[in-house]
């Protein structure tokens, strides 16, 4: 993207949505392919939960969308992209 398309304001709010830890776990299980998974454990932490409870349930980045930067359609799409773009390289120690 050319810098001129962004103008002087270079910060963008990206659109997003909420997914629970359980929904993320289910998406990992659905999209793992033939990869072995370690244990997925949930350990609630009151201090962390207090922070997360203050976050918005979703965001809409109209400017980002107008520039062609769209949010992923689902938690499954995010997990698939992570696996395709990063996970295999991380497993092989390339990061």
PDB file of N, CA and C in Angstrom:
ATOM      1  N   UNK A   1       0.852  -1.169   0.000  1.00  0.00           N
ATOM      2  CA  UNK A   1       0.000   0.000   0.000  1.00  0.00           C
ATOM      3  C   UNK A   1       0.899   1.234   0.000  1.00  0.00           C
ATOM      4  N   UNK A   2       0.589   2.136  -0.844  1.00  0.00           N
ATOM      5  CA  UNK A   2       1.351   3.376  -0.901  1.00  0.00           C
ATOM      6  C   UNK A   2       1.089   4.211   0.345  1.00  0.00           C
ATOM      7  N   UNK A   3       2.115   4.861   0.847  1.00  0.00           N
ATOM      8  CA  UNK A   3       1.982   5.697   2.042  1.00  0.00           C
ATOM      9  C   UNK A   3       0.932   6.781   1.843  1.00  0.00           C
ATOM     10  N   UNK A   4       0.780   7.241   0.618  1.00  0.00           N
ATOM     11  CA  UNK A   4      -0.195   8.301   0.347  1.00  0.00           C
ATOM     12  C   UNK A   4      -1.629   7.842   0.630  1.00  0.00           C
ATOM     13  N   UNK A   5      -1.876   6.526   0.540  1.00  0.00           N
ATOM     14  CA  UNK A   5      -3.216   6.021   0.827  1.00  0.00           C
ATOM     15  C   UNK A   5      -3.552   6.131   2.318  1.00  0.00           C
ATOM     16  N   UNK A   6      -2.532   6.090   3.156  1.00  0.00           N
ATOM     17  CA  UNK A   6      -2.755   6.202   4.599  1.00  0.00           C
ATOM     18  C   UNK A   6      -2.847   7.647   5.054  1.00  0.00           C
ATOM     19  N   UNK A   7      -2.205   8.546   4.338  1.00  0.00           N
ATOM     20  CA  UNK A   7      -2.201   9.937   4.747  1.00  0.00           C
ATOM     21  C   UNK A   7      -1.296  10.136   5.952  1.00  0.00           C
ATOM     22  N   UNK A   8      -1.539  11.194   6.729  1.00  0.00           N
ATOM     23  CA  UNK A   8      -0.699  11.511   7.875  1.00  0.00           C
ATOM     24  C   UNK A   8      -1.017  10.638   9.083  1.00  0.00           C
ATOM     25  N   UNK A   9      -2.212  10.073   9.100  1.00  0.00           N
ATOM     26  CA  UNK A   9      -2.644   9.268  10.246  1.00  0.00           C
ATOM     27  C   UNK A   9      -2.366   7.806   9.917  1.00  0.00           C
ATOM     28  N   UNK A  10      -1.331   7.213  10.524  1.00  0.00           N
ATOM     29  CA  UNK A  10      -0.875   5.882  10.159  1.00  0.00           C
ATOM     30  C   UNK A  10      -1.389   4.778  11.069  1.00  0.00           C
ATOM     31  N   UNK A  11      -2.187   5.122  12.058  1.00  0.00           N
ATOM     32  CA  UNK A  11      -2.708   4.123  12.976  1.00  0.00           C
ATOM     33  C   UNK A  11      -4.095   3.675  12.512  1.00  0.00           C
ATOM     34  N   UNK A  12      -4.330   2.348  12.519  1.00  0.00           N
ATOM     35  CA  UNK A  12      -5.623   1.817  12.109  1.00  0.00           C
ATOM     36  C   UNK A  12      -6.197   0.938  13.214  1.00  0.00           C
ATOM     37  N   UNK A  13      -7.465   1.089  13.491  1.00  0.00           N
ATOM     38  CA  UNK A  13      -8.179   0.150  14.343  1.00  0.00           C
ATOM     39  C   UNK A  13      -8.678  -0.953  13.427  1.00  0.00           C
ATOM     40  N   UNK A  14      -8.308  -2.178  13.744  1.00  0.00           N
ATOM     41  CA  UNK A  14      -8.757  -3.300  12.937  1.00  0.00           C
ATOM     42  C   UNK A  14     -10.066  -3.836  13.476  1.00  0.00           C
ATOM     43  N   UNK A  15     -10.926  -4.288  12.602  1.00  0.00           N
ATOM     44  CA  UNK A  15     -12.180  -4.892  13.028  1.00  0.00           C
ATOM     45  C   UNK A  15     -11.878  -6.228  13.698  1.00  0.00           C
ATOM     46  N   UNK A  16     -12.679  -6.596  14.662  1.00  0.00           N
ATOM     47  CA  UNK A  16     -12.476  -7.851  15.362  1.00  0.00           C
ATOM     48  C   UNK A  16     -13.759  -8.344  15.996  1.00  0.00           C
ATOM     49  N   UNK A  17     -13.693  -9.526  16.575  1.00  0.00           N
ATOM     50  CA  UNK A  17     -14.860 -10.117  17.216  1.00  0.00           C
ATOM     51  C   UNK A  17     -14.405 -10.888  18.449  1.00  0.00           C
ATOM     52  N   UNK A  18     -15.345 -11.318  19.234  1.00  0.00           N
ATOM     53  CA  UNK A  18     -15.056 -12.036  20.463  1.00  0.00           C
ATOM     54  C   UNK A  18     -15.145 -13.535  20.249  1.00  0.00           C
ATOM     55  N   UNK A  19     -14.213 -14.253  20.849  1.00  0.00           N
ATOM     56  CA  UNK A  19     -14.253 -15.719  20.879  1.00  0.00           C
ATOM     57  C   UNK A  19     -13.844 -16.152  22.279  1.00  0.00           C
ATOM     58  N   UNK A  20     -14.568 -17.090  22.824  1.00  0.00           N
ATOM     59  CA  UNK A  20     -14.224 -17.591  24.151  1.00  0.00           C
ATOM     60  C   UNK A  20     -13.050 -18.557  24.057  1.00  0.00           C
ATOM     61  N   UNK A  21     -12.437 -18.842  25.198  1.00  0.00           N
ATOM     62  CA  UNK A  21     -11.343 -19.813  25.235  1.00  0.00           C
ATOM     63  C   UNK A  21     -11.839 -21.173  24.745  1.00  0.00           C
ATOM     64  N   UNK A  22     -13.052 -21.542  25.111  1.00  0.00           N
ATOM     65  CA  UNK A  22     -13.619 -22.813  24.658  1.00  0.00           C
ATOM     66  C   UNK A  22     -13.813 -22.850  23.159  1.00  0.00           C
ATOM     67  N   UNK A  23     -14.248 -21.736  22.576  1.00  0.00           N
ATOM     68  CA  UNK A  23     -14.415 -21.664  21.117  1.00  0.00           C
ATOM     69  C   UNK A  23     -13.065 -21.762  20.414  1.00  0.00           C
ATOM     70  N   UNK A  24     -12.033 -21.144  21.008  1.00  0.00           N
ATOM     71  CA  UNK A  24     -10.692 -21.253  20.432  1.00  0.00           C
ATOM     72  C   UNK A  24     -10.196 -22.690  20.498  1.00  0.00           C
ATOM     73  N   UNK A  25     -10.421 -23.353  21.623  1.00  0.00           N
ATOM     74  CA  UNK A  25     -10.011 -24.747  21.757  1.00  0.00           C
ATOM     75  C   UNK A  25     -10.700 -25.623  20.709  1.00  0.00           C
ATOM     76  N   UNK A  26     -11.990 -25.431  20.535  1.00  0.00           N
ATOM     77  CA  UNK A  26     -12.732 -26.217  19.546  1.00  0.00           C
ATOM     78  C   UNK A  26     -12.199 -25.962  18.137  1.00  0.00           C
ATOM     79  N   UNK A  27     -11.856 -24.714  17.841  1.00  0.00           N
ATOM     80  CA  UNK A  27     -11.315 -24.382  16.520  1.00  0.00           C
ATOM     81  C   UNK A  27      -9.955 -25.043  16.308  1.00  0.00           C
ATOM     82  N   UNK A  28      -9.139 -25.072  17.337  1.00  0.00           N
ATOM     83  CA  UNK A  28      -7.841 -25.744  17.235  1.00  0.00           C
ATOM     84  C   UNK A  28      -8.049 -27.223  16.954  1.00  0.00           C
ATOM     85  N   UNK A  29      -8.962 -27.836  17.673  1.00  0.00           N
ATOM     86  CA  UNK A  29      -9.222 -29.260  17.481  1.00  0.00           C
ATOM     87  C   UNK A  29      -9.751 -29.554  16.077  1.00  0.00           C
ATOM     88  N   UNK A  30     -10.601 -28.680  15.555  1.00  0.00           N
ATOM     89  CA  UNK A  30     -11.166 -28.882  14.210  1.00  0.00           C
ATOM     90  C   UNK A  30     -10.130 -28.698  13.106  1.00  0.00           C
ATOM     91  N   UNK A  31      -9.118 -27.866  13.366  1.00  0.00           N
ATOM     92  CA  UNK A  31      -8.204 -27.463  12.301  1.00  0.00           C
ATOM     93  C   UNK A  31      -6.783 -27.978  12.469  1.00  0.00           C
ATOM     94  N   UNK A  32      -6.550 -28.865  13.390  1.00  0.00           N
ATOM     95  CA  UNK A  32      -5.182 -29.319  13.662  1.00  0.00           C
ATOM     96  C   UNK A  32      -4.621 -30.249  12.593  1.00  0.00           C
ATOM     97  N   UNK A  33      -5.481 -30.802  11.766  1.00  0.00           N
ATOM     98  CA  UNK A  33      -4.993 -31.748  10.764  1.00  0.00           C
ATOM     99  C   UNK A  33      -4.413 -32.968  11.449  1.00  0.00           C
ATOM    100  N   UNK A  34      -3.232 -33.395  11.015  1.00  0.00           N
ATOM    101  CA  UNK A  34      -2.621 -34.577  11.607  1.00  0.00           C
ATOM    102  C   UNK A  34      -1.615 -34.228  12.704  1.00  0.00           C
ATOM    103  N   UNK A  35      -1.613 -32.971  13.154  1.00  0.00           N
ATOM    104  CA  UNK A  35      -0.679 -32.538  14.187  1.00  0.00           C
ATOM    105  C   UNK A  35      -1.109 -33.055  15.555  1.00  0.00           C
ATOM    106  N   UNK A  36      -0.128 -33.477  16.333  1.00  0.00           N
ATOM    107  CA  UNK A  36      -0.402 -33.891  17.705  1.00  0.00           C
ATOM    108  C   UNK A  36      -0.492 -32.632  18.560  1.00  0.00           C
ATOM    109  N   UNK A  37      -1.453 -32.618  19.443  1.00  0.00           N
ATOM    110  CA  UNK A  37      -1.614 -31.479  20.341  1.00  0.00           C
ATOM    111  C   UNK A  37      -1.193 -31.851  21.741  1.00  0.00           C
ATOM    112  N   UNK A  38      -0.645 -30.882  22.432  1.00  0.00           N
ATOM    113  CA  UNK A  38      -0.420 -31.051  23.854  1.00  0.00           C
ATOM    114  C   UNK A  38      -1.726 -30.804  24.587  1.00  0.00           C
ATOM    115  N   UNK A  39      -1.674 -30.883  25.879  1.00  0.00           N
ATOM    116  CA  UNK A  39      -2.869 -30.640  26.687  1.00  0.00           C
ATOM    117  C   UNK A  39      -3.265 -29.166  26.606  1.00  0.00           C
ATOM    118  N   UNK A  40      -4.546 -28.935  26.547  1.00  0.00           N
ATOM    119  CA  UNK A  40      -5.085 -27.568  26.606  1.00  0.00           C
ATOM    120  C   UNK A  40      -5.755 -27.446  27.961  1.00  0.00           C
ATOM    121  N   UNK A  41      -5.186 -26.590  28.796  1.00  0.00           N
ATOM    122  CA  UNK A  41      -5.693 -26.427  30.160  1.00  0.00           C
ATOM    123  C   UNK A  41      -6.239 -25.019  30.352  1.00  0.00           C
ATOM    124  N   UNK A  42      -7.262 -24.906  31.137  1.00  0.00           N
ATOM    125  CA  UNK A  42      -7.838 -23.620  31.481  1.00  0.00           C
ATOM    126  C   UNK A  42      -7.601 -23.382  32.971  1.00  0.00           C
ATOM    127  N   UNK A  43      -6.900 -22.305  33.280  1.00  0.00           N
ATOM    128  CA  UNK A  43      -6.654 -21.932  34.669  1.00  0.00           C
ATOM    129  C   UNK A  43      -7.106 -20.483  34.846  1.00  0.00           C
ATOM    130  N   UNK A  44      -8.332 -20.296  35.285  1.00  0.00           N
ATOM    131  CA  UNK A  44      -8.823 -18.918  35.454  1.00  0.00           C
ATOM    132  C   UNK A  44      -7.945 -18.127  36.421  1.00  0.00           C
ATOM    133  N   UNK A  45      -7.744 -16.865  36.092  1.00  0.00           N
ATOM    134  CA  UNK A  45      -6.978 -15.957  36.925  1.00  0.00           C
ATOM    135  C   UNK A  45      -7.796 -14.686  37.094  1.00  0.00           C
ATOM    136  N   UNK A  46      -8.158 -14.367  38.312  1.00  0.00           N
ATOM    137  CA  UNK A  46      -9.070 -13.246  38.584  1.00  0.00           C
ATOM    138  C   UNK A  46      -8.511 -11.911  38.085  1.00  0.00           C
ATOM    139  N   UNK A  47      -7.219 -11.685  38.230  1.00  0.00           N
ATOM    140  CA  UNK A  47      -6.627 -10.410  37.792  1.00  0.00           C
ATOM    141  C   UNK A  47      -6.680 -10.282  36.270  1.00  0.00           C
ATOM    142  N   UNK A  48      -6.340 -11.351  35.588  1.00  0.00           N
ATOM    143  CA  UNK A  48      -6.406 -11.326  34.128  1.00  0.00           C
ATOM    144  C   UNK A  48      -7.842 -11.171  33.657  1.00  0.00           C
ATOM    145  N   UNK A  49      -8.766 -11.884  34.295  1.00  0.00           N
ATOM    146  CA  UNK A  49     -10.168 -11.805  33.917  1.00  0.00           C
ATOM    147  C   UNK A  49     -10.712 -10.398  34.093  1.00  0.00           C
ATOM    148  N   UNK A  50     -10.281  -9.710  35.140  1.00  0.00           N
ATOM    149  CA  UNK A  50     -10.730  -8.334  35.369  1.00  0.00           C
ATOM    150  C   UNK A  50     -10.291  -7.426  34.221  1.00  0.00           C
ATOM    151  N   UNK A  51      -9.092  -7.651  33.701  1.00  0.00           N
ATOM    152  CA  UNK A  51      -8.615  -6.862  32.568  1.00  0.00           C
ATOM    153  C   UNK A  51      -9.435  -7.183  31.320  1.00  0.00           C
ATOM    154  N   UNK A  52      -9.591  -8.465  31.037  1.00  0.00           N
ATOM    155  CA  UNK A  52     -10.298  -8.895  29.828  1.00  0.00           C
ATOM    156  C   UNK A  52     -11.761  -8.454  29.858  1.00  0.00           C
ATOM    157  N   UNK A  53     -12.368  -8.469  31.027  1.00  0.00           N
ATOM    158  CA  UNK A  53     -13.764  -8.040  31.145  1.00  0.00           C
ATOM    159  C   UNK A  53     -13.963  -6.588  30.728  1.00  0.00           C
ATOM    160  N   UNK A  54     -12.897  -5.796  30.744  1.00  0.00           N
ATOM    161  CA  UNK A  54     -12.981  -4.396  30.345  1.00  0.00           C
ATOM    162  C   UNK A  54     -12.805  -4.178  28.853  1.00  0.00           C
ATOM    163  N   UNK A  55     -12.462  -5.216  28.124  1.00  0.00           N
ATOM    164  CA  UNK A  55     -12.269  -5.094  26.681  1.00  0.00           C
ATOM    165  C   UNK A  55     -13.611  -5.054  25.964  1.00  0.00           C
ATOM    166  N   UNK A  56     -13.691  -4.403  24.803  1.00  0.00           N
ATOM    167  CA  UNK A  56     -14.945  -4.415  24.036  1.00  0.00           C
ATOM    168  C   UNK A  56     -15.208  -5.820  23.480  1.00  0.00           C
ATOM    169  N   UNK A  57     -16.469  -6.111  23.228  1.00  0.00           N
ATOM    170  CA  UNK A  57     -16.830  -7.427  22.687  1.00  0.00           C
ATOM    171  C   UNK A  57     -16.559  -7.519  21.190  1.00  0.00           C
ATOM    172  N   UNK A  58     -16.245  -6.436  20.585  1.00  0.00           N
ATOM    173  CA  UNK A  58     -15.921  -6.405  19.164  1.00  0.00           C
ATOM    174  C   UNK A  58     -15.485  -5.005  18.789  1.00  0.00           C
ATOM    175  N   UNK A  59     -14.857  -4.880  17.657  1.00  0.00           N
ATOM    176  CA  UNK A  59     -14.451  -3.567  17.162  1.00  0.00           C
ATOM    177  C   UNK A  59     -14.781  -3.477  15.684  1.00  0.00           C
ATOM    178  N   UNK A  60     -14.957  -2.268  15.234  1.00  0.00           N
ATOM    179  CA  UNK A  60     -15.194  -2.059  13.803  1.00  0.00           C
ATOM    180  C   UNK A  60     -14.248  -0.973  13.335  1.00  0.00           C
ATOM    181  N   UNK A  61     -13.347  -1.344  12.497  1.00  0.00           N
ATOM    182  CA  UNK A  61     -12.370  -0.412  11.956  1.00  0.00           C
ATOM    183  C   UNK A  61     -12.787   0.044  10.577  1.00  0.00           C
ATOM    184  N   UNK A  62     -13.665   1.041  10.533  1.00  0.00           N
ATOM    185  CA  UNK A  62     -14.212   1.501   9.251  1.00  0.00           C
ATOM    186  C   UNK A  62     -13.113   1.981   8.311  1.00  0.00           C
ATOM    187  N   UNK A  63     -12.119   2.680   8.848  1.00  0.00           N
ATOM    188  CA  UNK A  63     -11.042   3.181   7.988  1.00  0.00           C
ATOM    189  C   UNK A  63     -10.227   2.019   7.430  1.00  0.00           C
ATOM    190  N   UNK A  64      -9.912   1.039   8.262  1.00  0.00           N
ATOM    191  CA  UNK A  64      -9.165  -0.140   7.792  1.00  0.00           C
ATOM    192  C   UNK A  64      -9.964  -0.873   6.719  1.00  0.00           C
ATOM    193  N   UNK A  65     -11.261  -1.034   6.959  1.00  0.00           N
ATOM    194  CA  UNK A  65     -12.103  -1.719   5.974  1.00  0.00           C
ATOM    195  C   UNK A  65     -12.132  -0.954   4.654  1.00  0.00           C
ATOM    196  N   UNK A  66     -12.195   0.369   4.730  1.00  0.00           N
ATOM    197  CA  UNK A  66     -12.215   1.187   3.518  1.00  0.00           C
ATOM    198  C   UNK A  66     -10.911   1.042   2.729  1.00  0.00           C
ATOM    199  N   UNK A  67      -9.826   0.716   3.432  1.00  0.00           N
ATOM    200  CA  UNK A  67      -8.531   0.504   2.780  1.00  0.00           C
ATOM    201  C   UNK A  67      -8.353  -0.943   2.317  1.00  0.00           C
ATOM    202  N   UNK A  68      -9.390  -1.762   2.531  1.00  0.00           N
ATOM    203  CA  UNK A  68      -9.343  -3.143   2.068  1.00  0.00           C
ATOM    204  C   UNK A  68      -8.810  -4.134   3.085  1.00  0.00           C
ATOM    205  N   UNK A  69      -8.696  -3.723   4.345  1.00  0.00           N
ATOM    206  CA  UNK A  69      -8.217  -4.615   5.403  1.00  0.00           C
ATOM    207  C   UNK A  69      -9.442  -5.107   6.168  1.00  0.00           C
ATOM    208  N   UNK A  70      -9.816  -6.337   5.923  1.00  0.00           N
ATOM    209  CA  UNK A  70     -11.042  -6.878   6.514  1.00  0.00           C
ATOM    210  C   UNK A  70     -10.732  -7.883   7.608  1.00  0.00           C
ATOM    211  N   UNK A  71     -11.661  -8.035   8.517  1.00  0.00           N
ATOM    212  CA  UNK A  71     -11.492  -8.990   9.606  1.00  0.00           C
ATOM    213  C   UNK A  71     -11.696 -10.411   9.104  1.00  0.00           C
ATOM    214  N   UNK A  72     -11.091 -11.360   9.802  1.00  0.00           N
ATOM    215  CA  UNK A  72     -11.334 -12.761   9.475  1.00  0.00           C
ATOM    216  C   UNK A  72     -12.795 -13.077   9.755  1.00  0.00           C
ATOM    217  N   UNK A  73     -13.323 -14.061   9.060  1.00  0.00           N
ATOM    218  CA  UNK A  73     -14.739 -14.392   9.154  1.00  0.00           C
ATOM    219  C   UNK A  73     -15.100 -15.157  10.424  1.00  0.00           C
ATOM    220  N   UNK A  74     -14.125 -15.896  10.977  1.00  0.00           N
ATOM    221  CA  UNK A  74     -14.445 -16.742  12.133  1.00  0.00           C
ATOM    222  C   UNK A  74     -13.172 -17.112  12.875  1.00  0.00           C
ATOM    223  N   UNK A  75     -13.326 -17.666  14.074  1.00  0.00           N
ATOM    224  CA  UNK A  75     -12.175 -18.149  14.825  1.00  0.00           C
ATOM    225  C   UNK A  75     -11.507 -19.297  14.070  1.00  0.00           C
ATOM    226  N   UNK A  76     -12.270 -20.092  13.344  1.00  0.00           N
ATOM    227  CA  UNK A  76     -11.679 -21.165  12.545  1.00  0.00           C
ATOM    228  C   UNK A  76     -10.742 -20.595  11.487  1.00  0.00           C
ATOM    229  N   UNK A  77     -11.143 -19.517  10.853  1.00  0.00           N
ATOM    230  CA  UNK A  77     -10.295 -18.902   9.828  1.00  0.00           C
ATOM    231  C   UNK A  77      -8.997 -18.382  10.444  1.00  0.00           C
ATOM    232  N   UNK A  78      -9.087 -17.787  11.620  1.00  0.00           N
ATOM    233  CA  UNK A  78      -7.893 -17.288  12.298  1.00  0.00           C
ATOM    234  C   UNK A  78      -6.947 -18.436  12.632  1.00  0.00           C
ATOM    235  N   UNK A  79      -7.480 -19.523  13.168  1.00  0.00           N
ATOM    236  CA  UNK A  79      -6.649 -20.682  13.516  1.00  0.00           C
ATOM    237  C   UNK A  79      -6.010 -21.268  12.258  1.00  0.00           C
ATOM    238  N   UNK A  80      -6.784 -21.411  11.193  1.00  0.00           N
ATOM    239  CA  UNK A  80      -6.225 -21.956   9.943  1.00  0.00           C
ATOM    240  C   UNK A  80      -5.090 -21.075   9.415  1.00  0.00           C
ATOM    241  N   UNK A  81      -5.296 -19.763   9.447  1.00  0.00           N
ATOM    242  CA  UNK A  81      -4.255 -18.858   8.973  1.00  0.00           C
ATOM    243  C   UNK A  81      -3.002 -18.969   9.838  1.00  0.00           C
ATOM    244  N   UNK A  82      -3.183 -19.065  11.149  1.00  0.00           N
ATOM    245  CA  UNK A  82      -2.025 -19.215  12.030  1.00  0.00           C
ATOM    246  C   UNK A  82      -1.266 -20.495  11.701  1.00  0.00           C
ATOM    247  N   UNK A  83      -1.984 -21.582  11.537  1.00  0.00           N
ATOM    248  CA  UNK A  83      -1.334 -22.860  11.211  1.00  0.00           C
ATOM    249  C   UNK A  83      -0.581 -22.741   9.888  1.00  0.00           C
ATOM    250  N   UNK A  84      -1.228 -22.199   8.869  1.00  0.00           N
ATOM    251  CA  UNK A  84      -0.617 -22.095   7.543  1.00  0.00           C
ATOM    252  C   UNK A  84       0.569 -21.138   7.524  1.00  0.00           C
ATOM    253  N   UNK A  85       0.446 -20.016   8.226  1.00  0.00           N
ATOM    254  CA  UNK A  85       1.450 -18.961   8.131  1.00  0.00           C
ATOM    255  C   UNK A  85       2.594 -19.090   9.132  1.00  0.00           C
ATOM    256  N   UNK A  86       2.339 -19.685  10.312  1.00  0.00           N
ATOM    257  CA  UNK A  86       3.324 -19.621  11.381  1.00  0.00           C
ATOM    258  C   UNK A  86       3.646 -20.929  12.087  1.00  0.00           C
ATOM    259  N   UNK A  87       2.668 -21.767  12.328  1.00  0.00           N
ATOM    260  CA  UNK A  87       2.861 -22.890  13.235  1.00  0.00           C
ATOM    261  C   UNK A  87       3.944 -23.857  12.774  1.00  0.00           C
ATOM    262  N   UNK A  88       3.894 -24.291  11.536  1.00  0.00           N
ATOM    263  CA  UNK A  88       4.882 -25.262  11.072  1.00  0.00           C
ATOM    264  C   UNK A  88       6.302 -24.705  11.189  1.00  0.00           C
ATOM    265  N   UNK A  89       6.494 -23.417  10.862  1.00  0.00           N
ATOM    266  CA  UNK A  89       7.816 -22.820  11.011  1.00  0.00           C
ATOM    267  C   UNK A  89       8.240 -22.749  12.473  1.00  0.00           C
ATOM    268  N   UNK A  90       7.295 -22.470  13.377  1.00  0.00           N
ATOM    269  CA  UNK A  90       7.626 -22.439  14.799  1.00  0.00           C
ATOM    270  C   UNK A  90       8.036 -23.812  15.290  1.00  0.00           C
ATOM    271  N   UNK A  91       7.316 -24.834  14.863  1.00  0.00           N
ATOM    272  CA  UNK A  91       7.634 -26.204  15.275  1.00  0.00           C
ATOM    273  C   UNK A  91       9.037 -26.577  14.795  1.00  0.00           C
ATOM    274  N   UNK A  92       9.406 -26.127  13.607  1.00  0.00           N
ATOM    275  CA  UNK A  92      10.718 -26.450  13.046  1.00  0.00           C
ATOM    276  C   UNK A  92      11.815 -25.510  13.553  1.00  0.00           C
ATOM    277  N   UNK A  93      11.470 -24.582  14.450  1.00  0.00           N
ATOM    278  CA  UNK A  93      12.456 -23.694  15.042  1.00  0.00           C
ATOM    279  C   UNK A  93      12.939 -22.579  14.140  1.00  0.00           C
ATOM    280  N   UNK A  94      12.131 -22.197  13.165  1.00  0.00           N
ATOM    281  CA  UNK A  94      12.539 -21.137  12.238  1.00  0.00           C
ATOM    282  C   UNK A  94      12.284 -19.748  12.812  1.00  0.00           C
ATOM    283  N   UNK A  95      11.627 -19.653  13.954  1.00  0.00           N
ATOM    284  CA  UNK A  95      11.393 -18.338  14.573  1.00  0.00           C
ATOM    285  C   UNK A  95      12.212 -18.213  15.824  1.00  0.00           C
TER     286      UNK A  95
END
